[in-house]
Amino acid sequence: MDRLALPLGTRLGAMEITRVHAIGGFGIVYQARDHALDRDVAIKEFLPTHLVCRGSGPRVVVRSATHARTFVLALEAFLNEAKLLARFAHPAMVKVYSSWKANGTAYMAMPYLRGPTLWD
């Protein structure tokens, strides 16, 4: 597993990470079990690696003080995107169940959809 990803079994509130699906330059997508609602979800973690890195634990830290303002603005844009997506209900758009800040970054939970990937 990539060192950037949270370890399997990490809890984010009622959600427990069960699998790492994708790691990109701006974030990580996990499969998780929402124990409160007894369902699988996809969790997107905001992690722009050019601005931040994972500290010794789950916390995200800014690489340089010069990146701090840029990261805060990008983090707010990520949360605003989650709020916007949560308003829509359309088969061509992903539904956002929730979004929150934790570990120095932000997350959004969405339905976990089984089946072929867009790449496939």
PDB file of N, CA and C in Angstrom:
ATOM      1  N   MET A   1       0.842  -1.180   0.000  1.00  0.00           N
ATOM      2  CA  MET A   1       0.000   0.000   0.000  1.00  0.00           C
ATOM      3  C   MET A   1       0.881   1.235   0.000  1.00  0.00           C
ATOM      4  N   ASP A   2       0.455   2.257  -0.686  1.00  0.00           N
ATOM      5  CA  ASP A   2       1.186   3.510  -0.760  1.00  0.00           C
ATOM      6  C   ASP A   2       1.249   4.176   0.612  1.00  0.00           C
ATOM      7  N   ARG A   3       2.365   4.768   0.925  1.00  0.00           N
ATOM      8  CA  ARG A   3       2.570   5.428   2.210  1.00  0.00           C
ATOM      9  C   ARG A   3       1.645   6.630   2.411  1.00  0.00           C
ATOM     10  N   LEU A   4       1.129   7.185   1.333  1.00  0.00           N
ATOM     11  CA  LEU A   4       0.224   8.329   1.445  1.00  0.00           C
ATOM     12  C   LEU A   4      -1.152   7.931   1.983  1.00  0.00           C
ATOM     13  N   ALA A   5      -1.576   6.730   1.679  1.00  0.00           N
ATOM     14  CA  ALA A   5      -2.927   6.290   2.035  1.00  0.00           C
ATOM     15  C   ALA A   5      -3.052   6.016   3.527  1.00  0.00           C
ATOM     16  N   LEU A   6      -4.249   6.236   4.025  1.00  0.00           N
ATOM     17  CA  LEU A   6      -4.547   5.867   5.407  1.00  0.00           C
ATOM     18  C   LEU A   6      -4.541   4.341   5.511  1.00  0.00           C
ATOM     19  N   PRO A   7      -4.091   3.798   6.617  1.00  0.00           N
ATOM     20  CA  PRO A   7      -4.072   2.334   6.764  1.00  0.00           C
ATOM     21  C   PRO A   7      -5.481   1.743   6.771  1.00  0.00           C
ATOM     22  N   LEU A   8      -5.594   0.527   6.255  1.00  0.00           N
ATOM     23  CA  LEU A   8      -6.873  -0.175   6.317  1.00  0.00           C
ATOM     24  C   LEU A   8      -7.267  -0.303   7.783  1.00  0.00           C
ATOM     25  N   GLY A   9      -8.545  -0.161   8.051  1.00  0.00           N
ATOM     26  CA  GLY A   9      -9.039  -0.209   9.420  1.00  0.00           C
ATOM     27  C   GLY A   9      -9.146   1.154  10.079  1.00  0.00           C
ATOM     28  N   THR A  10      -8.569   2.189   9.448  1.00  0.00           N
ATOM     29  CA  THR A  10      -8.685   3.547   9.992  1.00  0.00           C
ATOM     30  C   THR A  10     -10.148   3.934  10.057  1.00  0.00           C
ATOM     31  N   ARG A  11     -10.552   4.539  11.172  1.00  0.00           N
ATOM     32  CA  ARG A  11     -11.939   4.985  11.343  1.00  0.00           C
ATOM     33  C   ARG A  11     -12.020   6.486  11.122  1.00  0.00           C
ATOM     34  N   LEU A  12     -13.002   6.868  10.356  1.00  0.00           N
ATOM     35  CA  LEU A  12     -13.376   8.266  10.156  1.00  0.00           C
ATOM     36  C   LEU A  12     -14.812   8.363  10.647  1.00  0.00           C
ATOM     37  N   GLY A  13     -14.966   8.599  11.924  1.00  0.00           N
ATOM     38  CA  GLY A  13     -16.289   8.550  12.529  1.00  0.00           C
ATOM     39  C   GLY A  13     -16.813   7.131  12.478  1.00  0.00           C
ATOM     40  N   ALA A  14     -17.998   6.948  11.905  1.00  0.00           N
ATOM     41  CA  ALA A  14     -18.610   5.620  11.807  1.00  0.00           C
ATOM     42  C   ALA A  14     -18.090   4.827  10.623  1.00  0.00           C
ATOM     43  N   MET A  15     -17.225   5.437   9.806  1.00  0.00           N
ATOM     44  CA  MET A  15     -16.751   4.788   8.590  1.00  0.00           C
ATOM     45  C   MET A  15     -15.364   4.195   8.792  1.00  0.00           C
ATOM     46  N   GLU A  16     -15.203   2.949   8.338  1.00  0.00           N
ATOM     47  CA  GLU A  16     -13.942   2.232   8.480  1.00  0.00           C
ATOM     48  C   GLU A  16     -13.379   1.916   7.094  1.00  0.00           C
ATOM     49  N   ILE A  17     -12.164   2.359   6.827  1.00  0.00           N
ATOM     50  CA  ILE A  17     -11.533   2.136   5.533  1.00  0.00           C
ATOM     51  C   ILE A  17     -11.220   0.654   5.366  1.00  0.00           C
ATOM     52  N   THR A  18     -11.697   0.100   4.229  1.00  0.00           N
ATOM     53  CA  THR A  18     -11.505  -1.321   3.960  1.00  0.00           C
ATOM     54  C   THR A  18     -10.630  -1.591   2.737  1.00  0.00           C
ATOM     55  N   ARG A  19     -10.446  -0.571   1.888  1.00  0.00           N
ATOM     56  CA  ARG A  19      -9.653  -0.772   0.669  1.00  0.00           C
ATOM     57  C   ARG A  19      -9.231   0.573   0.098  1.00  0.00           C
ATOM     58  N   VAL A  20      -8.055   0.622  -0.477  1.00  0.00           N
ATOM     59  CA  VAL A  20      -7.603   1.806  -1.219  1.00  0.00           C
ATOM     60  C   VAL A  20      -7.877   1.533  -2.689  1.00  0.00           C
ATOM     61  N   HIS A  21      -8.630   2.422  -3.331  1.00  0.00           N
ATOM     62  CA  HIS A  21      -8.971   2.207  -4.744  1.00  0.00           C
ATOM     63  C   HIS A  21      -8.059   2.955  -5.693  1.00  0.00           C
ATOM     64  N   ALA A  22      -7.768   4.211  -5.389  1.00  0.00           N
ATOM     65  CA  ALA A  22      -6.966   5.006  -6.322  1.00  0.00           C
ATOM     66  C   ALA A  22      -6.230   6.102  -5.570  1.00  0.00           C
ATOM     67  N   ILE A  23      -5.019   6.367  -6.029  1.00  0.00           N
ATOM     68  CA  ILE A  23      -4.220   7.455  -5.479  1.00  0.00           C
ATOM     69  C   ILE A  23      -3.803   8.328  -6.646  1.00  0.00           C
ATOM     70  N   GLY A  24      -4.139   9.617  -6.536  1.00  0.00           N
ATOM     71  CA  GLY A  24      -3.782  10.560  -7.586  1.00  0.00           C
ATOM     72  C   GLY A  24      -3.101  11.778  -6.990  1.00  0.00           C
ATOM     73  N   GLY A  25      -2.813  12.738  -7.820  1.00  0.00           N
ATOM     74  CA  GLY A  25      -2.119  13.937  -7.389  1.00  0.00           C
ATOM     75  C   GLY A  25      -2.925  14.839  -6.485  1.00  0.00           C
ATOM     76  N   PHE A  26      -4.258  14.691  -6.489  1.00  0.00           N
ATOM     77  CA  PHE A  26      -5.105  15.564  -5.684  1.00  0.00           C
ATOM     78  C   PHE A  26      -5.868  14.837  -4.596  1.00  0.00           C
ATOM     79  N   GLY A  27      -5.778  13.511  -4.567  1.00  0.00           N
ATOM     80  CA  GLY A  27      -6.517  12.827  -3.525  1.00  0.00           C
ATOM     81  C   GLY A  27      -6.428  11.317  -3.613  1.00  0.00           C
ATOM     82  N   ILE A  28      -7.102  10.708  -2.651  1.00  0.00           N
ATOM     83  CA  ILE A  28      -7.140   9.258  -2.549  1.00  0.00           C
ATOM     84  C   ILE A  28      -8.592   8.830  -2.417  1.00  0.00           C
ATOM     85  N   VAL A  29      -8.966   7.771  -3.125  1.00  0.00           N
ATOM     86  CA  VAL A  29     -10.313   7.217  -3.036  1.00  0.00           C
ATOM     87  C   VAL A  29     -10.227   5.868  -2.321  1.00  0.00           C
ATOM     88  N   TYR A  30     -11.041   5.751  -1.289  1.00  0.00           N
ATOM     89  CA  TYR A  30     -11.088   4.536  -0.468  1.00  0.00           C
ATOM     90  C   TYR A  30     -12.469   3.899  -0.571  1.00  0.00           C
ATOM     91  N   GLN A  31     -12.528   2.613  -0.336  1.00  0.00           N
ATOM     92  CA  GLN A  31     -13.792   1.948  -0.038  1.00  0.00           C
ATOM     93  C   GLN A  31     -13.854   1.875   1.480  1.00  0.00           C
ATOM     94  N   ALA A  32     -15.022   2.114   2.034  1.00  0.00           N
ATOM     95  CA  ALA A  32     -15.172   2.080   3.489  1.00  0.00           C
ATOM     96  C   ALA A  32     -16.516   1.479   3.848  1.00  0.00           C
ATOM     97  N   ARG A  33     -16.605   1.030   5.066  1.00  0.00           N
ATOM     98  CA  ARG A  33     -17.860   0.499   5.607  1.00  0.00           C
ATOM     99  C   ARG A  33     -18.429   1.543   6.541  1.00  0.00           C
ATOM    100  N   ASP A  34     -19.636   2.001   6.225  1.00  0.00           N
ATOM    101  CA  ASP A  34     -20.349   2.924   7.110  1.00  0.00           C
ATOM    102  C   ASP A  34     -21.100   2.061   8.110  1.00  0.00           C
ATOM    103  N   HIS A  35     -20.548   1.949   9.308  1.00  0.00           N
ATOM    104  CA  HIS A  35     -21.143   1.071  10.318  1.00  0.00           C
ATOM    105  C   HIS A  35     -22.454   1.634  10.859  1.00  0.00           C
ATOM    106  N   ALA A  36     -22.636   2.936  10.823  1.00  0.00           N
ATOM    107  CA  ALA A  36     -23.878   3.540  11.321  1.00  0.00           C
ATOM    108  C   ALA A  36     -25.064   3.191  10.419  1.00  0.00           C
ATOM    109  N   LEU A  37     -24.832   3.160   9.101  1.00  0.00           N
ATOM    110  CA  LEU A  37     -25.917   2.885   8.155  1.00  0.00           C
ATOM    111  C   LEU A  37     -25.798   1.515   7.494  1.00  0.00           C
ATOM    112  N   ASP A  38     -24.796   0.734   7.892  1.00  0.00           N
ATOM    113  CA  ASP A  38     -24.611  -0.624   7.403  1.00  0.00           C
ATOM    114  C   ASP A  38     -24.568  -0.685   5.880  1.00  0.00           C
ATOM    115  N   ARG A  39     -23.639   0.086   5.288  1.00  0.00           N
ATOM    116  CA  ARG A  39     -23.473   0.084   3.837  1.00  0.00           C
ATOM    117  C   ARG A  39     -22.031   0.438   3.491  1.00  0.00           C
ATOM    118  N   ASP A  40     -21.623   0.037   2.296  1.00  0.00           N
ATOM    119  CA  ASP A  40     -20.316   0.412   1.789  1.00  0.00           C
ATOM    120  C   ASP A  40     -20.414   1.780   1.132  1.00  0.00           C
ATOM    121  N   VAL A  41     -19.361   2.559   1.281  1.00  0.00           N
ATOM    122  CA  VAL A  41     -19.295   3.884   0.681  1.00  0.00           C
ATOM    123  C   VAL A  41     -17.913   4.072   0.053  1.00  0.00           C
ATOM    124  N   ALA A  42     -17.835   5.043  -0.832  1.00  0.00           N
ATOM    125  CA  ALA A  42     -16.550   5.499  -1.354  1.00  0.00           C
ATOM    126  C   ALA A  42     -16.234   6.798  -0.625  1.00  0.00           C
ATOM    127  N   ILE A  43     -15.007   6.926  -0.182  1.00  0.00           N
ATOM    128  CA  ILE A  43     -14.574   8.152   0.488  1.00  0.00           C
ATOM    129  C   ILE A  43     -13.442   8.752  -0.316  1.00  0.00           C
ATOM    130  N   LYS A  44     -13.585  10.025  -0.637  1.00  0.00           N
ATOM    131  CA  LYS A  44     -12.529  10.757  -1.327  1.00  0.00           C
ATOM    132  C   LYS A  44     -11.843  11.650  -0.302  1.00  0.00           C
ATOM    133  N   GLU A  45     -10.540  11.487  -0.178  1.00  0.00           N
ATOM    134  CA  GLU A  45      -9.749  12.319   0.727  1.00  0.00           C
ATOM    135  C   GLU A  45      -9.021  13.371  -0.098  1.00  0.00           C
ATOM    136  N   PHE A  46      -9.145  14.633   0.295  1.00  0.00           N
ATOM    137  CA  PHE A  46      -8.455  15.724  -0.392  1.00  0.00           C
ATOM    138  C   PHE A  46      -6.990  15.714   0.032  1.00  0.00           C
ATOM    139  N   LEU A  47      -6.091  15.428  -0.911  1.00  0.00           N
ATOM    140  CA  LEU A  47      -4.675  15.316  -0.596  1.00  0.00           C
ATOM    141  C   LEU A  47      -3.838  15.753  -1.804  1.00  0.00           C
ATOM    142  N   PRO A  48      -3.773  17.073  -2.056  1.00  0.00           N
ATOM    143  CA  PRO A  48      -2.950  17.558  -3.172  1.00  0.00           C
ATOM    144  C   PRO A  48      -1.465  17.447  -2.801  1.00  0.00           C
ATOM    145  N   THR A  49      -0.811  16.445  -3.326  1.00  0.00           N
ATOM    146  CA  THR A  49       0.544  16.112  -2.882  1.00  0.00           C
ATOM    147  C   THR A  49       1.586  17.178  -3.212  1.00  0.00           C
ATOM    148  N   HIS A  50       1.281  18.096  -4.100  1.00  0.00           N
ATOM    149  CA  HIS A  50       2.219  19.185  -4.365  1.00  0.00           C
ATOM    150  C   HIS A  50       2.158  20.255  -3.266  1.00  0.00           C
ATOM    151  N   LEU A  51       1.116  20.196  -2.430  1.00  0.00           N
ATOM    152  CA  LEU A  51       0.954  21.181  -1.355  1.00  0.00           C
ATOM    153  C   LEU A  51       1.119  20.582   0.038  1.00  0.00           C
ATOM    154  N   VAL A  52       0.719  19.319   0.207  1.00  0.00           N
ATOM    155  CA  VAL A  52       0.726  18.694   1.532  1.00  0.00           C
ATOM    156  C   VAL A  52       1.298  17.289   1.474  1.00  0.00           C
ATOM    157  N   CYS A  53       1.577  16.750   2.653  1.00  0.00           N
ATOM    158  CA  CYS A  53       2.009  15.360   2.770  1.00  0.00           C
ATOM    159  C   CYS A  53       1.408  14.791   4.052  1.00  0.00           C
ATOM    160  N   ARG A  54       1.464  13.498   4.181  1.00  0.00           N
ATOM    161  CA  ARG A  54       0.965  12.835   5.382  1.00  0.00           C
ATOM    162  C   ARG A  54       2.037  12.954   6.455  1.00  0.00           C
ATOM    163  N   GLY A  55       1.618  13.331   7.663  1.00  0.00           N
ATOM    164  CA  GLY A  55       2.554  13.390   8.779  1.00  0.00           C
ATOM    165  C   GLY A  55       2.854  11.987   9.271  1.00  0.00           C
ATOM    166  N   SER A  56       3.282  11.867  10.496  1.00  0.00           N
ATOM    167  CA  SER A  56       3.624  10.554  11.034  1.00  0.00           C
ATOM    168  C   SER A  56       2.386   9.690  11.275  1.00  0.00           C
ATOM    169  N   GLY A  57       1.223  10.304  11.413  1.00  0.00           N
ATOM    170  CA  GLY A  57      -0.030   9.572  11.605  1.00  0.00           C
ATOM    171  C   GLY A  57      -0.984   9.910  10.477  1.00  0.00           C
ATOM    172  N   PRO A  58      -2.266   9.996  10.772  1.00  0.00           N
ATOM    173  CA  PRO A  58      -3.247  10.285   9.726  1.00  0.00           C
ATOM    174  C   PRO A  58      -3.295  11.760   9.321  1.00  0.00           C
ATOM    175  N   ARG A  59      -2.680  12.627  10.116  1.00  0.00           N
ATOM    176  CA  ARG A  59      -2.776  14.064   9.888  1.00  0.00           C
ATOM    177  C   ARG A  59      -2.010  14.492   8.633  1.00  0.00           C
ATOM    178  N   VAL A  60      -2.609  15.441   7.910  1.00  0.00           N
ATOM    179  CA  VAL A  60      -2.013  16.023   6.717  1.00  0.00           C
ATOM    180  C   VAL A  60      -1.352  17.339   7.118  1.00  0.00           C
ATOM    181  N   VAL A  61      -0.137  17.563   6.631  1.00  0.00           N
ATOM    182  CA  VAL A  61       0.592  18.796   6.949  1.00  0.00           C
ATOM    183  C   VAL A  61       1.032  19.483   5.658  1.00  0.00           C
ATOM    184  N   VAL A  62       1.032  20.804   5.710  1.00  0.00           N
ATOM    185  CA  VAL A  62       1.454  21.602   4.553  1.00  0.00           C
ATOM    186  C   VAL A  62       2.962  21.460   4.387  1.00  0.00           C
ATOM    187  N   ARG A  63       3.400  21.280   3.148  1.00  0.00           N
ATOM    188  CA  ARG A  63       4.821  21.077   2.869  1.00  0.00           C
ATOM    189  C   ARG A  63       5.663  22.309   3.193  1.00  0.00           C
ATOM    190  N   SER A  64       5.084  23.485   3.001  1.00  0.00           N
ATOM    191  CA  SER A  64       5.815  24.732   3.211  1.00  0.00           C
ATOM    192  C   SER A  64       4.825  25.823   3.596  1.00  0.00           C
ATOM    193  N   ALA A  65       5.266  26.760   4.403  1.00  0.00           N
ATOM    194  CA  ALA A  65       4.394  27.876   4.806  1.00  0.00           C
ATOM    195  C   ALA A  65       3.907  28.660   3.589  1.00  0.00           C
ATOM    196  N   THR A  66       4.678  28.650   2.526  1.00  0.00           N
ATOM    197  CA  THR A  66       4.262  29.365   1.308  1.00  0.00           C
ATOM    198  C   THR A  66       3.051  28.703   0.648  1.00  0.00           C
ATOM    199  N   HIS A  67       2.799  27.435   0.963  1.00  0.00           N
ATOM    200  CA  HIS A  67       1.652  26.713   0.384  1.00  0.00           C
ATOM    201  C   HIS A  67       0.392  26.779   1.253  1.00  0.00           C
ATOM    202  N   ALA A  68       0.506  27.308   2.448  1.00  0.00           N
ATOM    203  CA  ALA A  68      -0.606  27.248   3.407  1.00  0.00           C
ATOM    204  C   ALA A  68      -1.869  27.908   2.877  1.00  0.00           C
ATOM    205  N   ARG A  69      -1.779  29.125   2.368  1.00  0.00           N
ATOM    206  CA  ARG A  69      -2.977  29.835   1.880  1.00  0.00           C
ATOM    207  C   ARG A  69      -3.587  29.116   0.680  1.00  0.00           C
ATOM    208  N   THR A  70      -2.755  28.657  -0.225  1.00  0.00           N
ATOM    209  CA  THR A  70      -3.250  27.930  -1.402  1.00  0.00           C
ATOM    210  C   THR A  70      -4.005  26.676  -0.968  1.00  0.00           C
ATOM    211  N   PHE A  71      -3.451  25.952   0.012  1.00  0.00           N
ATOM    212  CA  PHE A  71      -4.106  24.736   0.490  1.00  0.00           C
ATOM    213  C   PHE A  71      -5.455  25.057   1.122  1.00  0.00           C
ATOM    214  N   VAL A  72      -5.518  26.090   1.947  1.00  0.00           N
ATOM    215  CA  VAL A  72      -6.784  26.457   2.598  1.00  0.00           C
ATOM    216  C   VAL A  72      -7.841  26.803   1.549  1.00  0.00           C
ATOM    217  N   LEU A  73      -7.469  27.552   0.531  1.00  0.00           N
ATOM    218  CA  LEU A  73      -8.419  27.910  -0.531  1.00  0.00           C
ATOM    219  C   LEU A  73      -8.870  26.681  -1.309  1.00  0.00           C
ATOM    220  N   ALA A  74      -7.940  25.788  -1.611  1.00  0.00           N
ATOM    221  CA  ALA A  74      -8.287  24.563  -2.345  1.00  0.00           C
ATOM    222  C   ALA A  74      -9.163  23.645  -1.496  1.00  0.00           C
ATOM    223  N   LEU A  75      -8.889  23.588  -0.206  1.00  0.00           N
ATOM    224  CA  LEU A  75      -9.688  22.776   0.715  1.00  0.00           C
ATOM    225  C   LEU A  75     -11.129  23.276   0.754  1.00  0.00           C
ATOM    226  N   GLU A  76     -11.303  24.586   0.824  1.00  0.00           N
ATOM    227  CA  GLU A  76     -12.648  25.158   0.813  1.00  0.00           C
ATOM    228  C   GLU A  76     -13.348  24.890  -0.512  1.00  0.00           C
ATOM    229  N   ALA A  77     -12.613  24.924  -1.615  1.00  0.00           N
ATOM    230  CA  ALA A  77     -13.201  24.610  -2.927  1.00  0.00           C
ATOM    231  C   ALA A  77     -13.657  23.147  -2.975  1.00  0.00           C
ATOM    232  N   PHE A  78     -12.882  22.243  -2.394  1.00  0.00           N
ATOM    233  CA  PHE A  78     -13.254  20.828  -2.322  1.00  0.00           C
ATOM    234  C   PHE A  78     -14.560  20.658  -1.548  1.00  0.00           C
ATOM    235  N   LEU A  79     -14.663  21.326  -0.403  1.00  0.00           N
ATOM    236  CA  LEU A  79     -15.883  21.234   0.411  1.00  0.00           C
ATOM    237  C   LEU A  79     -17.073  21.886  -0.289  1.00  0.00           C
ATOM    238  N   ASN A  80     -16.841  22.973  -0.994  1.00  0.00           N
ATOM    239  CA  ASN A  80     -17.917  23.616  -1.754  1.00  0.00           C
ATOM    240  C   ASN A  80     -18.391  22.718  -2.897  1.00  0.00           C
ATOM    241  N   GLU A  81     -17.458  22.002  -3.540  1.00  0.00           N
ATOM    242  CA  GLU A  81     -17.829  21.046  -4.584  1.00  0.00           C
ATOM    243  C   GLU A  81     -18.720  19.954  -3.997  1.00  0.00           C
ATOM    244  N   ALA A  82     -18.375  19.474  -2.817  1.00  0.00           N
ATOM    245  CA  ALA A  82     -19.184  18.434  -2.167  1.00  0.00           C
ATOM    246  C   ALA A  82     -20.593  18.953  -1.894  1.00  0.00           C
ATOM    247  N   LYS A  83     -20.710  20.179  -1.396  1.00  0.00           N
ATOM    248  CA  LYS A  83     -22.028  20.771  -1.130  1.00  0.00           C
ATOM    249  C   LYS A  83     -22.837  20.911  -2.411  1.00  0.00           C
ATOM    250  N   LEU A  84     -22.179  21.324  -3.468  1.00  0.00           N
ATOM    251  CA  LEU A  84     -22.862  21.480  -4.746  1.00  0.00           C
ATOM    252  C   LEU A  84     -23.345  20.133  -5.274  1.00  0.00           C
ATOM    253  N   LEU A  85     -22.474  19.121  -5.254  1.00  0.00           N
ATOM    254  CA  LEU A  85     -22.862  17.792  -5.741  1.00  0.00           C
ATOM    255  C   LEU A  85     -23.978  17.183  -4.902  1.00  0.00           C
ATOM    256  N   ALA A  86     -24.008  17.491  -3.615  1.00  0.00           N
ATOM    257  CA  ALA A  86     -25.040  16.940  -2.730  1.00  0.00           C
ATOM    258  C   ALA A  86     -26.438  17.439  -3.094  1.00  0.00           C
ATOM    259  N   ARG A  87     -26.511  18.561  -3.772  1.00  0.00           N
ATOM    260  CA  ARG A  87     -27.811  19.142  -4.160  1.00  0.00           C
ATOM    261  C   ARG A  87     -28.463  18.439  -5.337  1.00  0.00           C
ATOM    262  N   PHE A  88     -27.664  17.721  -6.115  1.00  0.00           N
ATOM    263  CA  PHE A  88     -28.171  17.120  -7.344  1.00  0.00           C
ATOM    264  C   PHE A  88     -28.540  15.655  -7.157  1.00  0.00           C
ATOM    265  N   ALA A  89     -29.538  15.230  -7.924  1.00  0.00           N
ATOM    266  CA  ALA A  89     -29.921  13.820  -7.983  1.00  0.00           C
ATOM    267  C   ALA A  89     -30.134  13.501  -9.461  1.00  0.00           C
ATOM    268  N   HIS A  90     -29.072  13.017 -10.106  1.00  0.00           N
ATOM    269  CA  HIS A  90     -29.119  12.703 -11.527  1.00  0.00           C
ATOM    270  C   HIS A  90     -28.285  11.448 -11.764  1.00  0.00           C
ATOM    271  N   PRO A  91     -28.769  10.517 -12.600  1.00  0.00           N
ATOM    272  CA  PRO A  91     -28.038   9.260 -12.797  1.00  0.00           C
ATOM    273  C   PRO A  91     -26.628   9.431 -13.361  1.00  0.00           C
ATOM    274  N   ALA A  92     -26.346  10.558 -13.999  1.00  0.00           N
ATOM    275  CA  ALA A  92     -25.018  10.778 -14.575  1.00  0.00           C
ATOM    276  C   ALA A  92     -24.058  11.477 -13.605  1.00  0.00           C
ATOM    277  N   MET A  93     -24.541  11.780 -12.398  1.00  0.00           N
ATOM    278  CA  MET A  93     -23.705  12.481 -11.426  1.00  0.00           C
ATOM    279  C   MET A  93     -23.620  11.688 -10.133  1.00  0.00           C
ATOM    280  N   VAL A  94     -22.451  11.723  -9.540  1.00  0.00           N
ATOM    281  CA  VAL A  94     -22.267  11.032  -8.275  1.00  0.00           C
ATOM    282  C   VAL A  94     -22.994  11.806  -7.170  1.00  0.00           C
ATOM    283  N   LYS A  95     -23.616  11.079  -6.288  1.00  0.00           N
ATOM    284  CA  LYS A  95     -24.307  11.676  -5.142  1.00  0.00           C
ATOM    285  C   LYS A  95     -23.320  11.773  -3.988  1.00  0.00           C
ATOM    286  N   VAL A  96     -23.342  12.876  -3.291  1.00  0.00           N
ATOM    287  CA  VAL A  96     -22.492  13.028  -2.107  1.00  0.00           C
ATOM    288  C   VAL A  96     -23.375  12.859  -0.881  1.00  0.00           C
ATOM    289  N   TYR A  97     -23.022  11.894  -0.033  1.00  0.00           N
ATOM    290  CA  TYR A  97     -23.758  11.662   1.210  1.00  0.00           C
ATOM    291  C   TYR A  97     -23.384  12.673   2.283  1.00  0.00           C
ATOM    292  N   SER A  98     -22.087  12.936   2.410  1.00  0.00           N
ATOM    293  CA  SER A  98     -21.624  13.867   3.442  1.00  0.00           C
ATOM    294  C   SER A  98     -20.208  14.323   3.124  1.00  0.00           C
ATOM    295  N   SER A  99     -19.817  15.414   3.768  1.00  0.00           N
ATOM    296  CA  SER A  99     -18.442  15.904   3.682  1.00  0.00           C
ATOM    297  C   SER A  99     -18.070  16.458   5.044  1.00  0.00           C
ATOM    298  N   TRP A 100     -16.775  16.423   5.343  1.00  0.00           N
ATOM    299  CA  TRP A 100     -16.326  16.889   6.654  1.00  0.00           C
ATOM    300  C   TRP A 100     -14.829  17.147   6.629  1.00  0.00           C
ATOM    301  N   LYS A 101     -14.388  17.909   7.625  1.00  0.00           N
ATOM    302  CA  LYS A 101     -12.961  18.148   7.838  1.00  0.00           C
ATOM    303  C   LYS A 101     -12.467  17.241   8.956  1.00  0.00           C
ATOM    304  N   ALA A 102     -11.283  16.710   8.772  1.00  0.00           N
ATOM    305  CA  ALA A 102     -10.618  15.893   9.798  1.00  0.00           C
ATOM    306  C   ALA A 102      -9.168  15.706   9.373  1.00  0.00           C
ATOM    307  N   ASN A 103      -8.309  15.452  10.316  1.00  0.00           N
ATOM    308  CA  ASN A 103      -6.905  15.149  10.044  1.00  0.00           C
ATOM    309  C   ASN A 103      -6.184  16.234   9.244  1.00  0.00           C
ATOM    310  N   GLY A 104      -6.635  17.481   9.362  1.00  0.00           N
ATOM    311  CA  GLY A 104      -5.996  18.575   8.642  1.00  0.00           C
ATOM    312  C   GLY A 104      -6.389  18.686   7.189  1.00  0.00           C
ATOM    313  N   THR A 105      -7.383  17.900   6.763  1.00  0.00           N
ATOM    314  CA  THR A 105      -7.836  17.933   5.373  1.00  0.00           C
ATOM    315  C   THR A 105      -9.354  17.750   5.344  1.00  0.00           C
ATOM    316  N   ALA A 106      -9.898  17.314   4.210  1.00  0.00           N
ATOM    317  CA  ALA A 106     -11.348  17.129   4.093  1.00  0.00           C
ATOM    318  C   ALA A 106     -11.645  15.838   3.345  1.00  0.00           C
ATOM    319  N   TYR A 107     -12.866  15.369   3.544  1.00  0.00           N
ATOM    320  CA  TYR A 107     -13.327  14.111   2.957  1.00  0.00           C
ATOM    321  C   TYR A 107     -14.743  14.288   2.433  1.00  0.00           C
ATOM    322  N   MET A 108     -15.117  13.453   1.470  1.00  0.00           N
ATOM    323  CA  MET A 108     -16.521  13.349   1.071  1.00  0.00           C
ATOM    324  C   MET A 108     -16.854  11.873   0.903  1.00  0.00           C
ATOM    325  N   ALA A 109     -18.049  11.516   1.350  1.00  0.00           N
ATOM    326  CA  ALA A 109     -18.537  10.141   1.238  1.00  0.00           C
ATOM    327  C   ALA A 109     -19.597  10.083   0.152  1.00  0.00           C
ATOM    328  N   MET A 110     -19.479   9.064  -0.692  1.00  0.00           N
ATOM    329  CA  MET A 110     -20.369   8.879  -1.830  1.00  0.00           C
ATOM    330  C   MET A 110     -20.778   7.422  -1.911  1.00  0.00           C
ATOM    331  N   PRO A 111     -21.760   7.091  -2.729  1.00  0.00           N
ATOM    332  CA  PRO A 111     -22.117   5.684  -2.889  1.00  0.00           C
ATOM    333  C   PRO A 111     -20.925   4.900  -3.429  1.00  0.00           C
ATOM    334  N   TYR A 112     -20.760   3.680  -2.949  1.00  0.00           N
ATOM    335  CA  TYR A 112     -19.766   2.779  -3.526  1.00  0.00           C
ATOM    336  C   TYR A 112     -20.485   1.973  -4.587  1.00  0.00           C
ATOM    337  N   LEU A 113     -20.079   2.146  -5.838  1.00  0.00           N
ATOM    338  CA  LEU A 113     -20.739   1.485  -6.963  1.00  0.00           C
ATOM    339  C   LEU A 113     -19.881   0.327  -7.448  1.00  0.00           C
ATOM    340  N   ARG A 114     -20.430  -0.849  -7.432  1.00  0.00           N
ATOM    341  CA  ARG A 114     -19.726  -2.040  -7.908  1.00  0.00           C
ATOM    342  C   ARG A 114     -19.921  -2.161  -9.418  1.00  0.00           C
ATOM    343  N   GLY A 115     -18.918  -2.677 -10.079  1.00  0.00           N
ATOM    344  CA  GLY A 115     -19.004  -2.887 -11.516  1.00  0.00           C
ATOM    345  C   GLY A 115     -17.724  -2.460 -12.192  1.00  0.00           C
ATOM    346  N   PRO A 116     -17.731  -2.448 -13.531  1.00  0.00           N
ATOM    347  CA  PRO A 116     -16.510  -2.072 -14.252  1.00  0.00           C
ATOM    348  C   PRO A 116     -16.200  -0.592 -14.017  1.00  0.00           C
ATOM    349  N   THR A 117     -14.910  -0.288 -14.090  1.00  0.00           N
ATOM    350  CA  THR A 117     -14.499   1.109 -13.967  1.00  0.00           C
ATOM    351  C   THR A 117     -14.660   1.809 -15.297  1.00  0.00           C
ATOM    352  N   LEU A 118     -14.553   3.120 -15.313  1.00  0.00           N
ATOM    353  CA  LEU A 118     -14.596   3.864 -16.567  1.00  0.00           C
ATOM    354  C   LEU A 118     -13.402   3.464 -17.438  1.00  0.00           C
ATOM    355  N   TRP A 119     -12.297   3.157 -16.793  1.00  0.00           N
ATOM    356  CA  TRP A 119     -11.112   2.718 -17.533  1.00  0.00           C
ATOM    357  C   TRP A 119     -11.395   1.417 -18.281  1.00  0.00           C
ATOM    358  N   ASP A 120     -12.100   0.490 -17.599  1.00  0.00           N
ATOM    359  CA  ASP A 120     -12.453  -0.793 -18.227  1.00  0.00           C
ATOM    360  C   ASP A 120     -13.389  -0.572 -19.401  1.00  0.00           C
TER     361      ASP A 120
END
